Amino acid sequence: MKRLAVVILAAGKGTRMKSDLPKVMHEIAGKPMLRHVIDTCAGLGPDLVVVVAGPEMPAVEAAAAPHARAYQREQRGTGHAVGCVRPAFGDQVFDEVLVVYGDTPLITAETLGRMVEERRTSDAAVVVLGMRVASPNAYGRLVLDAAGNLDAIVEAAEASPEILTLDLCNSGVMVIDGAVLFDLIARIRNDNSKGEFYLTDIVGLARADGRLARVVEAPVEELVGVNSRADLAAAEAILQQRLRAAAMAGGTTLVDPASVFLAADTVLGRDVVIQPNVVFGAGVTIGDRVQIKAFSHIEGAAIGAGAIIGPFARIRPGSMLAEDVHVGNFVELKNAQLGRGAKANHLTYLGDVTVGAGSNIGAGTITVNYDGYGKYRTEIGERAFIGSNSSLVAPVRIGDGAMTAAGSVVTRDVAADAVAIGRARQIDKPGRAAEFRAAQRAKHKK
């Protein structure tokens, strides 16, 4: 069987991002760019993945785990970066080595697969991924011979005016014959305007050895490199279009697709309806026939079939909603488990709580779960009825079928089927309102 290694270059500092965060750790659709590239390459079933990081990049190292890491201590060009992986390869031999970049998160597994297949069928020393760019500007150009094979890659800074008229551009992504990779790398020279070791020079070296070089083309939108915040926003927009299209193709209705923002890992069931201005963070699973109304925000949560969410609902990480749950306007959940058919329809905060099936949470209810030092849990049984404006001071347990009176502050467990009244007794003073108004009028006339 053919063996494939993947090398992901992720050592760039990304100075144009003006950030303390390494460039490849900036997120699109709720996931770092580097993880997008790693996950895409995983679709090829590689035998080894090596991420090349710079010095003092713990975030990159953590995101790369459990894959191998290599280190480029000095920024000496892409050829030098690939050469840094040799210790990570050890004695392993690979038929193909795929070189990709951690800041190109939109590339697809299908495109990378075509490149690997082209290398295997053509026996080329190098296969380069190209793109047609209307305004190539600083991109390196791919120069083809009469037979359509790749003759050379010319960096824009080194190109003649004639070469600069070409629109077939280098993306930087390559698949290289593993048997000759490090020999080619060792022969790269840095006698160019930047004094760097260009990986692109291996094409000329391979051609001089009598080996073939080939080009596979991909849509330019797959090869958007992210070097600035503006590039990051452009990549986000492209990925959101893909995610929305996939959601609708899978049976989800997006009433206003452009206003819905999905995470890369959002899972949506069939016949889900999502109204405008809904945002999904990472780690959300939505069951069949769920309705998500406008201006809701959901992250790190699982929502069961038939649930109705929002409008203006916020569901935070750790929340799990069973089938047919209703969570209404201005309700916030955090680490909350709601049983089948439970309802919290208005103006409520439920944090660190379990709510049993069929229970109703009245408007203005708060689970008082934090004392400034620790978090405490509230447990509400099945078919309970929590009166409006109740404060449940955790840790506290409300039994099955129990009720709390509106306005109660509940500090002790409530037995099943009991009614808890935790408020001061009402006292009426007849006539006192009229006396008060008269006294105030007299006071303000002076």
Protein backbone atom coordinates (compact mmCIF):
# COMPACT_ATOMS: atom_id res chain seq x y z
CA MET A 1 0.00 0.00 0.00
CA LYS A 2 1.11 3.55 -0.74
CA ARG A 3 2.18 5.58 2.27
CA LEU A 4 1.33 9.27 2.61
CA ALA A 5 2.82 11.89 4.92
CA VAL A 6 1.35 15.36 5.41
CA VAL A 7 3.48 18.37 6.33
CA ILE A 8 1.56 21.44 7.54
CA LEU A 9 3.55 24.66 7.62
CA ALA A 10 2.41 26.73 10.60
CA ALA A 11 5.47 28.64 11.81
CA GLY A 12 4.51 32.04 10.40
CA LYS A 13 4.08 34.82 12.95
CA GLY A 14 1.42 36.64 10.93
CA THR A 15 2.65 40.13 11.76
CA ARG A 16 -0.09 41.71 9.63
CA MET A 17 -2.69 40.20 11.95
CA LYS A 18 -1.34 42.48 14.70
CA SER A 19 -2.09 39.85 17.30
CA ASP A 20 -0.40 38.02 20.16
CA LEU A 21 -2.06 34.85 18.84
CA PRO A 22 -0.17 32.84 16.19
CA LYS A 23 -1.77 33.40 12.80
CA VAL A 24 -2.93 29.81 12.30
CA MET A 25 -4.77 29.88 15.64
CA HIS A 26 -7.24 32.54 14.55
CA GLU A 27 -10.66 31.00 14.11
CA ILE A 28 -13.14 30.74 11.30
CA ALA A 29 -16.52 29.14 11.97
CA GLY A 30 -15.49 28.59 15.57
CA LYS A 31 -12.36 26.55 14.86
CA PRO A 32 -8.68 27.54 14.50
CA MET A 33 -7.47 27.62 10.92
CA LEU A 34 -4.83 25.02 11.73
CA ARG A 35 -7.48 22.56 12.94
CA HIS A 36 -9.44 23.08 9.70
CA VAL A 37 -6.37 22.05 7.72
CA ILE A 38 -5.57 19.10 10.00
CA ASP A 39 -9.14 17.81 9.83
CA THR A 40 -9.26 18.19 6.05
CA CYS A 41 -6.02 16.26 5.62
CA ALA A 42 -7.34 13.53 7.91
CA GLY A 43 -9.82 12.73 5.14
CA LEU A 44 -6.91 11.39 3.08
CA GLY A 45 -5.98 8.80 5.72
CA PRO A 46 -2.33 9.87 6.04
CA ASP A 47 0.20 7.64 7.76
CA LEU A 48 1.93 10.63 9.38
CA VAL A 49 1.03 14.28 9.97
CA VAL A 50 3.77 16.72 10.98
CA VAL A 51 3.00 20.33 11.95
CA VAL A 52 5.90 22.75 11.60
CA ALA A 53 5.71 25.39 14.33
CA GLY A 54 7.91 28.30 15.24
CA PRO A 55 9.66 28.70 18.58
CA GLU A 56 7.50 29.51 21.60
CA MET A 57 4.18 28.65 20.00
CA PRO A 58 2.49 26.54 22.70
CA ALA A 59 -0.97 27.17 21.25
CA VAL A 60 0.11 25.73 17.89
CA GLU A 61 1.70 22.73 19.60
CA ALA A 62 -1.48 22.06 21.56
CA ALA A 63 -3.67 22.35 18.47
CA ALA A 64 -1.36 20.01 16.55
CA ALA A 65 -1.61 17.22 19.14
CA PRO A 66 -1.55 14.27 18.91
CA HIS A 67 0.31 14.67 15.63
CA ALA A 68 4.06 15.04 15.32
CA ARG A 69 5.64 18.47 15.59
CA ALA A 70 8.73 19.94 13.99
CA TYR A 71 10.26 23.33 14.64
CA GLN A 72 11.54 26.06 12.36
CA ARG A 73 13.75 28.09 14.69
CA GLU A 74 14.56 30.74 12.08
CA GLN A 75 12.33 32.08 9.32
CA ARG A 76 14.43 31.08 6.31
CA GLY A 77 11.75 30.26 3.76
CA THR A 78 9.39 27.44 2.86
CA GLY A 79 12.11 25.10 1.61
CA HIS A 80 13.91 25.41 4.92
CA ALA A 81 10.61 24.83 6.79
CA VAL A 82 9.98 21.53 4.98
CA GLY A 83 13.55 20.45 5.62
CA CYS A 84 12.92 20.84 9.36
CA VAL A 85 10.57 17.81 9.33
CA ARG A 86 13.28 15.28 8.55
CA PRO A 87 13.85 14.27 12.21
CA ALA A 88 10.10 13.71 12.60
CA PHE A 89 10.15 11.28 9.67
CA GLY A 90 12.87 9.18 11.28
CA ASP A 91 13.43 5.99 9.30
CA GLN A 92 9.95 6.01 7.77
CA VAL A 93 9.65 6.01 3.98
CA PHE A 94 6.69 7.61 2.23
CA ASP A 95 5.54 7.38 -1.35
CA GLU A 96 4.06 10.88 -1.25
CA VAL A 97 4.60 13.90 0.97
CA LEU A 98 1.82 16.49 0.87
CA VAL A 99 2.87 20.01 1.87
CA VAL A 100 0.04 22.35 2.89
CA TYR A 101 -0.23 25.60 4.80
CA GLY A 102 -1.94 26.20 8.12
CA ASP A 103 -3.34 29.52 6.92
CA THR A 104 -5.30 28.09 3.96
CA PRO A 105 -8.33 26.69 5.82
CA LEU A 106 -10.70 26.46 2.85
CA ILE A 107 -8.86 23.81 0.85
CA THR A 108 -10.88 20.61 0.40
CA ALA A 109 -10.00 16.95 0.81
CA GLU A 110 -11.28 16.33 -2.72
CA THR A 111 -8.69 18.73 -4.16
CA LEU A 112 -5.87 17.26 -2.11
CA GLY A 113 -6.95 13.77 -3.12
CA ARG A 114 -6.75 14.72 -6.79
CA MET A 115 -3.19 15.90 -6.25
CA VAL A 116 -2.12 12.66 -4.60
CA GLU A 117 -3.77 10.63 -7.37
CA GLU A 118 -2.03 12.72 -10.05
CA ARG A 119 1.37 12.05 -8.45
CA ARG A 120 0.71 8.33 -8.31
CA THR A 121 -0.60 7.96 -11.85
CA SER A 122 1.93 10.25 -13.54
CA ASP A 123 4.96 9.31 -11.40
CA ALA A 124 5.80 13.02 -11.27
CA ALA A 125 8.47 14.15 -8.85
CA VAL A 126 6.28 17.12 -7.89
CA VAL A 127 2.60 17.99 -8.31
CA VAL A 128 1.76 21.64 -7.68
CA LEU A 129 -1.68 23.03 -6.95
CA GLY A 130 -2.45 25.96 -9.20
CA MET A 131 -5.21 28.53 -9.48
CA ARG A 132 -6.38 31.04 -12.05
CA VAL A 133 -6.21 34.56 -10.62
CA ALA A 134 -7.63 37.57 -12.45
CA SER A 135 -5.16 39.96 -10.78
CA PRO A 136 -2.16 37.79 -9.86
CA ASN A 137 -0.08 40.59 -8.36
CA ALA A 138 2.48 38.99 -6.01
CA TYR A 139 1.63 35.33 -6.69
CA GLY A 140 4.32 33.12 -8.18
CA ARG A 141 3.54 32.03 -11.74
CA LEU A 142 3.35 28.46 -13.05
CA VAL A 143 5.09 28.12 -16.40
CA LEU A 144 3.95 25.15 -18.53
CA ASP A 145 5.72 23.52 -21.43
CA ALA A 146 4.11 22.66 -24.77
CA ALA A 147 2.87 19.33 -23.40
CA GLY A 148 1.14 20.97 -20.43
CA ASN A 149 3.68 19.81 -17.88
CA LEU A 150 5.03 22.22 -15.29
CA ASP A 151 8.34 23.65 -16.44
CA ALA A 152 9.05 26.13 -13.65
CA ILE A 153 7.62 28.19 -10.83
CA VAL A 154 8.78 31.79 -10.96
CA GLU A 155 8.32 34.01 -7.92
CA ALA A 156 6.77 37.36 -8.78
CA ALA A 157 9.79 39.21 -7.44
CA GLU A 158 12.04 37.29 -9.84
CA ALA A 159 9.66 37.24 -12.86
CA SER A 160 10.11 38.97 -16.21
CA PRO A 161 7.32 41.20 -17.57
CA GLU A 162 6.33 38.36 -19.93
CA ILE A 163 6.02 35.84 -17.09
CA LEU A 164 3.96 38.32 -15.07
CA THR A 165 1.27 38.27 -17.77
CA LEU A 166 0.45 34.62 -16.92
CA ASP A 167 -2.67 34.02 -14.82
CA LEU A 168 -1.91 30.46 -13.66
CA CYS A 169 -0.56 31.00 -10.16
CA ASN A 170 1.13 28.95 -7.50
CA SER A 171 -0.86 28.21 -4.33
CA GLY A 172 2.17 26.78 -2.56
CA VAL A 173 0.53 23.40 -1.97
CA MET A 174 2.54 20.47 -3.32
CA VAL A 175 2.68 16.69 -3.39
CA ILE A 176 6.26 15.44 -3.68
CA ASP A 177 7.76 12.02 -4.35
CA GLY A 178 8.93 10.94 -0.89
CA ALA A 179 11.94 9.14 -2.35
CA VAL A 180 13.51 12.38 -3.60
CA LEU A 181 12.06 15.02 -1.27
CA PHE A 182 15.02 15.58 1.02
CA ASP A 183 17.56 15.32 -1.79
CA LEU A 184 15.72 18.12 -3.60
CA ILE A 185 15.42 20.18 -0.41
CA ALA A 186 19.17 19.86 0.24
CA ARG A 187 19.97 21.33 -3.19
CA ILE A 188 17.83 24.48 -2.85
CA ARG A 189 19.90 27.68 -2.89
CA ASN A 190 19.01 31.04 -1.40
CA ASP A 191 20.60 33.25 -4.07
CA ASN A 192 17.46 35.32 -4.62
CA SER A 193 16.23 38.80 -3.73
CA LYS A 194 14.95 37.69 -0.30
CA GLY A 195 17.83 35.39 0.60
CA GLU A 196 15.35 32.59 1.38
CA PHE A 197 15.17 28.91 0.48
CA TYR A 198 12.09 28.67 -1.76
CA LEU A 199 10.31 25.31 -1.82
CA THR A 200 9.22 26.22 -5.35
CA ASP A 201 12.80 25.73 -6.57
CA ILE A 202 12.41 21.95 -6.32
CA VAL A 203 10.42 22.03 -9.57
CA GLY A 204 13.42 23.27 -11.53
CA LEU A 205 15.71 20.84 -9.74
CA ALA A 206 13.42 17.90 -10.51
CA ARG A 207 13.14 18.93 -14.16
CA ALA A 208 16.94 19.15 -14.38
CA ASP A 209 17.06 15.56 -13.10
CA GLY A 210 14.78 14.51 -15.96
CA ARG A 211 11.73 14.06 -13.72
CA LEU A 212 8.20 15.21 -14.51
CA ALA A 213 6.33 18.01 -12.72
CA ARG A 214 2.57 18.40 -13.02
CA VAL A 215 -0.16 20.90 -12.12
CA VAL A 216 -3.61 20.29 -10.67
CA GLU A 217 -5.95 23.29 -10.66
CA ALA A 218 -8.48 24.26 -7.99
CA PRO A 219 -10.95 27.15 -7.59
CA VAL A 220 -9.26 30.23 -6.22
CA GLU A 221 -11.73 30.41 -3.30
CA GLU A 222 -10.27 27.17 -1.90
CA LEU A 223 -6.83 28.69 -1.79
CA VAL A 224 -7.52 31.94 0.02
CA GLY A 225 -4.55 32.52 2.28
CA VAL A 226 -5.15 34.45 5.50
CA ASN A 227 -2.55 37.11 6.26
CA SER A 228 -4.68 39.90 7.72
CA ARG A 229 -7.93 40.49 9.58
CA ALA A 230 -9.55 41.40 6.27
CA ASP A 231 -8.44 38.05 4.82
CA LEU A 232 -9.85 36.32 7.90
CA ALA A 233 -13.23 37.96 7.35
CA ALA A 234 -13.18 36.97 3.67
CA ALA A 235 -12.41 33.34 4.56
CA GLU A 236 -15.20 33.35 7.17
CA ALA A 237 -17.69 34.58 4.56
CA ILE A 238 -16.72 31.83 2.09
CA LEU A 239 -16.92 29.10 4.71
CA GLN A 240 -20.28 30.34 5.99
CA GLN A 241 -21.67 30.13 2.45
CA ARG A 242 -20.50 26.51 2.25
CA LEU A 243 -21.97 25.63 5.65
CA ARG A 244 -25.32 27.26 4.87
CA ALA A 245 -25.55 25.51 1.52
CA ALA A 246 -24.76 22.16 3.15
CA ALA A 247 -27.37 22.77 5.87
CA MET A 248 -30.11 23.52 3.36
CA ALA A 249 -29.12 20.57 1.17
CA GLY A 250 -29.43 18.38 4.28
CA GLY A 251 -33.02 19.39 5.02
CA THR A 252 -32.76 22.55 7.13
CA THR A 253 -34.76 25.68 6.34
CA LEU A 254 -32.83 28.93 6.72
CA VAL A 255 -35.35 31.74 6.47
CA ASP A 256 -32.58 34.30 5.83
CA PRO A 257 -29.39 32.33 5.14
CA ALA A 258 -27.07 35.33 5.10
CA SER A 259 -27.93 36.22 8.71
CA VAL A 260 -27.36 32.73 10.16
CA PHE A 261 -23.84 31.89 11.34
CA LEU A 262 -22.89 28.24 11.77
CA ALA A 263 -19.88 26.62 13.38
CA ALA A 264 -17.77 24.14 11.46
CA ASP A 265 -19.10 21.30 13.62
CA THR A 266 -22.77 22.29 13.83
CA VAL A 267 -25.01 19.23 13.36
CA LEU A 268 -28.55 19.88 12.17
CA GLY A 269 -31.36 17.33 11.89
CA ARG A 270 -34.09 17.13 9.26
CA ASP A 271 -36.85 19.71 9.01
CA VAL A 272 -35.12 22.15 11.32
CA VAL A 273 -36.28 25.74 10.81
CA ILE A 274 -33.88 28.55 11.67
CA GLN A 275 -35.14 32.12 11.66
CA PRO A 276 -32.93 35.17 10.97
CA ASN A 277 -30.00 36.32 13.09
CA VAL A 278 -29.22 33.04 14.81
CA VAL A 279 -25.61 32.30 15.81
CA PHE A 280 -24.17 28.85 16.52
CA GLY A 281 -20.97 28.45 18.48
CA ALA A 282 -18.91 25.29 18.51
CA GLY A 283 -20.28 21.97 19.71
CA VAL A 284 -24.00 22.21 18.87
CA THR A 285 -26.23 19.30 17.85
CA ILE A 286 -29.83 19.99 16.83
CA GLY A 287 -32.43 17.22 16.52
CA ASP A 288 -35.18 16.85 13.93
CA ARG A 289 -38.07 19.32 13.65
CA VAL A 290 -36.51 21.88 15.98
CA GLN A 291 -37.58 25.51 15.55
CA ILE A 292 -34.98 28.14 16.39
CA LYS A 293 -36.46 31.60 16.41
CA ALA A 294 -34.73 34.88 15.64
CA PHE A 295 -31.79 36.35 17.53
CA SER A 296 -30.92 33.20 19.46
CA HIS A 297 -27.35 32.21 20.35
CA ILE A 298 -26.44 28.56 20.96
CA GLU A 299 -23.07 27.00 21.81
CA GLY A 300 -21.88 23.74 23.31
CA ALA A 301 -25.38 22.30 23.56
CA ALA A 302 -27.56 19.42 22.39
CA ILE A 303 -31.22 20.09 21.58
CA GLY A 304 -33.69 17.24 21.14
CA ALA A 305 -36.29 16.73 18.44
CA GLY A 306 -39.32 18.98 18.34
CA ALA A 307 -37.91 21.64 20.65
CA ILE A 308 -38.79 25.32 20.21
CA ILE A 309 -36.04 27.81 21.01
CA GLY A 310 -36.27 31.60 21.22
CA PRO A 311 -36.61 34.25 20.09
CA PHE A 312 -33.72 35.93 21.91
CA ALA A 313 -32.67 32.75 23.73
CA ARG A 314 -29.11 32.10 24.86
CA ILE A 315 -28.06 28.49 25.38
CA ARG A 316 -24.57 28.08 26.78
CA PRO A 317 -22.16 25.14 27.00
CA GLY A 318 -23.13 22.01 28.88
CA SER A 319 -26.85 22.36 28.20
CA MET A 320 -28.83 19.34 27.06
CA LEU A 321 -32.46 19.70 26.09
CA ALA A 322 -34.67 16.65 25.60
CA GLU A 323 -37.48 16.32 23.06
CA ASP A 324 -40.25 18.94 22.88
CA VAL A 325 -38.61 21.38 25.29
CA HIS A 326 -39.65 25.03 25.00
CA VAL A 327 -37.11 27.76 25.76
CA GLY A 328 -38.52 31.20 25.10
CA ASN A 329 -37.57 34.84 24.87
CA PHE A 330 -34.75 36.19 27.03
CA VAL A 331 -34.08 32.82 28.65
CA GLU A 332 -30.47 31.88 29.36
CA LEU A 333 -29.34 28.32 30.05
CA LYS A 334 -25.89 27.26 31.23
CA ASN A 335 -24.98 23.66 32.05
CA ALA A 336 -28.71 22.96 32.21
CA GLN A 337 -30.44 19.65 31.56
CA LEU A 338 -34.13 19.96 30.68
CA GLY A 339 -36.31 16.84 30.51
CA ARG A 340 -38.85 16.05 27.85
CA GLY A 341 -41.54 18.70 27.47
CA ALA A 342 -40.09 21.05 30.09
CA LYS A 343 -40.82 24.73 29.51
CA ALA A 344 -39.06 27.96 30.39
CA ASN A 345 -40.77 30.53 28.24
CA HIS A 346 -39.85 33.97 29.59
CA LEU A 347 -37.09 36.01 31.22
CA THR A 348 -35.32 33.23 33.11
CA TYR A 349 -31.79 32.18 34.05
CA LEU A 350 -31.23 28.45 34.58
CA GLY A 351 -27.62 27.62 35.41
CA ASP A 352 -26.24 24.35 36.79
CA VAL A 353 -29.70 22.81 36.94
CA THR A 354 -31.61 19.65 36.14
CA VAL A 355 -35.27 20.15 35.24
CA GLY A 356 -37.49 17.09 35.10
CA ALA A 357 -39.88 16.16 32.30
CA GLY A 358 -43.02 18.24 32.04
CA SER A 359 -41.97 20.91 34.51
CA ASN A 360 -42.84 24.57 33.97
CA ILE A 361 -40.48 27.36 34.92
CA GLY A 362 -42.26 30.68 35.47
CA ALA A 363 -41.11 34.04 34.15
CA GLY A 364 -38.30 35.71 36.08
CA THR A 365 -37.04 32.52 37.72
CA ILE A 366 -33.38 32.42 38.68
CA THR A 367 -31.27 29.51 39.88
CA VAL A 368 -28.89 31.21 42.30
CA ASN A 369 -25.92 28.99 41.57
CA TYR A 370 -22.82 31.03 42.45
CA ASP A 371 -21.69 32.50 45.76
CA GLY A 372 -18.52 34.14 44.47
CA TYR A 373 -16.41 31.06 45.18
CA GLY A 374 -18.20 27.91 44.00
CA LYS A 375 -20.98 26.75 41.70
CA TYR A 376 -23.90 24.76 43.14
CA ARG A 377 -26.61 22.71 41.51
CA THR A 378 -30.40 22.94 41.56
CA GLU A 379 -32.50 19.83 40.94
CA ILE A 380 -36.12 20.22 39.88
CA GLY A 381 -38.20 17.08 39.62
CA GLU A 382 -40.79 16.08 37.04
CA ARG A 383 -44.08 17.98 36.64
CA ALA A 384 -42.94 20.71 39.03
CA PHE A 385 -44.34 24.22 38.73
CA ILE A 386 -41.98 27.06 39.58
CA GLY A 387 -43.88 30.29 40.16
CA SER A 388 -42.87 33.52 38.47
CA ASN A 389 -40.03 35.50 40.02
CA SER A 390 -38.80 32.58 42.11
CA SER A 391 -35.17 32.48 43.24
CA LEU A 392 -33.92 28.95 43.87
CA VAL A 393 -30.81 29.21 46.04
CA ALA A 394 -28.55 26.26 45.26
CA PRO A 395 -27.84 23.65 46.35
CA VAL A 396 -31.54 22.90 46.53
CA ARG A 397 -33.91 20.15 45.39
CA ILE A 398 -37.53 20.64 44.25
CA GLY A 399 -39.44 17.36 44.33
CA ASP A 400 -41.71 15.83 41.68
CA GLY A 401 -44.98 17.70 41.35
CA ALA A 402 -43.94 20.40 43.81
CA MET A 403 -44.81 24.07 43.40
CA THR A 404 -43.21 27.32 44.46
CA ALA A 405 -45.32 30.41 45.00
CA ALA A 406 -44.60 33.44 42.84
CA GLY A 407 -41.93 35.69 44.29
CA SER A 408 -40.50 33.04 46.58
CA VAL A 409 -36.87 32.73 47.62
CA VAL A 410 -36.38 29.00 48.12
CA THR A 411 -33.43 28.05 50.31
CA ARG A 412 -34.45 24.56 51.51
CA ASP A 413 -35.44 21.36 49.70
CA VAL A 414 -39.12 21.10 48.76
CA ALA A 415 -40.79 17.71 49.10
CA ALA A 416 -42.71 16.09 46.25
CA ASP A 417 -46.21 17.60 45.74
CA ALA A 418 -45.57 20.31 48.36
CA VAL A 419 -46.07 24.06 47.89
CA ALA A 420 -43.19 26.27 49.02
CA ILE A 421 -43.91 29.88 49.97
CA GLY A 422 -40.71 31.77 50.66
CA ARG A 423 -41.81 35.40 50.93
CA ALA A 424 -42.94 37.84 53.63
CA ARG A 425 -46.63 37.80 54.55
CA GLN A 426 -48.61 40.55 52.84
CA ILE A 427 -49.94 43.30 55.14
CA ASP A 428 -52.66 45.71 53.96
CA LYS A 429 -53.17 49.12 55.61
CA PRO A 430 -56.56 50.57 54.53
CA GLY A 431 -56.53 54.26 53.57
CA ARG A 432 -52.82 54.71 53.96
CA ALA A 433 -52.24 55.39 50.23
CA ALA A 434 -54.61 58.40 50.25
CA GLU A 435 -52.98 59.68 53.45
CA PHE A 436 -49.55 59.36 51.88
CA ARG A 437 -50.53 61.31 48.77
CA ALA A 438 -52.09 64.09 50.83
CA ALA A 439 -49.00 64.40 52.99
CA GLN A 440 -46.76 64.57 49.92
CA ARG A 441 -48.87 67.27 48.28
CA ALA A 442 -48.74 69.34 51.43
CA LYS A 443 -45.00 68.89 51.73
CA HIS A 444 -44.26 70.00 48.19
CA LYS A 445 -46.45 73.15 48.42
CA LYS A 446 -44.18 74.61 51.07
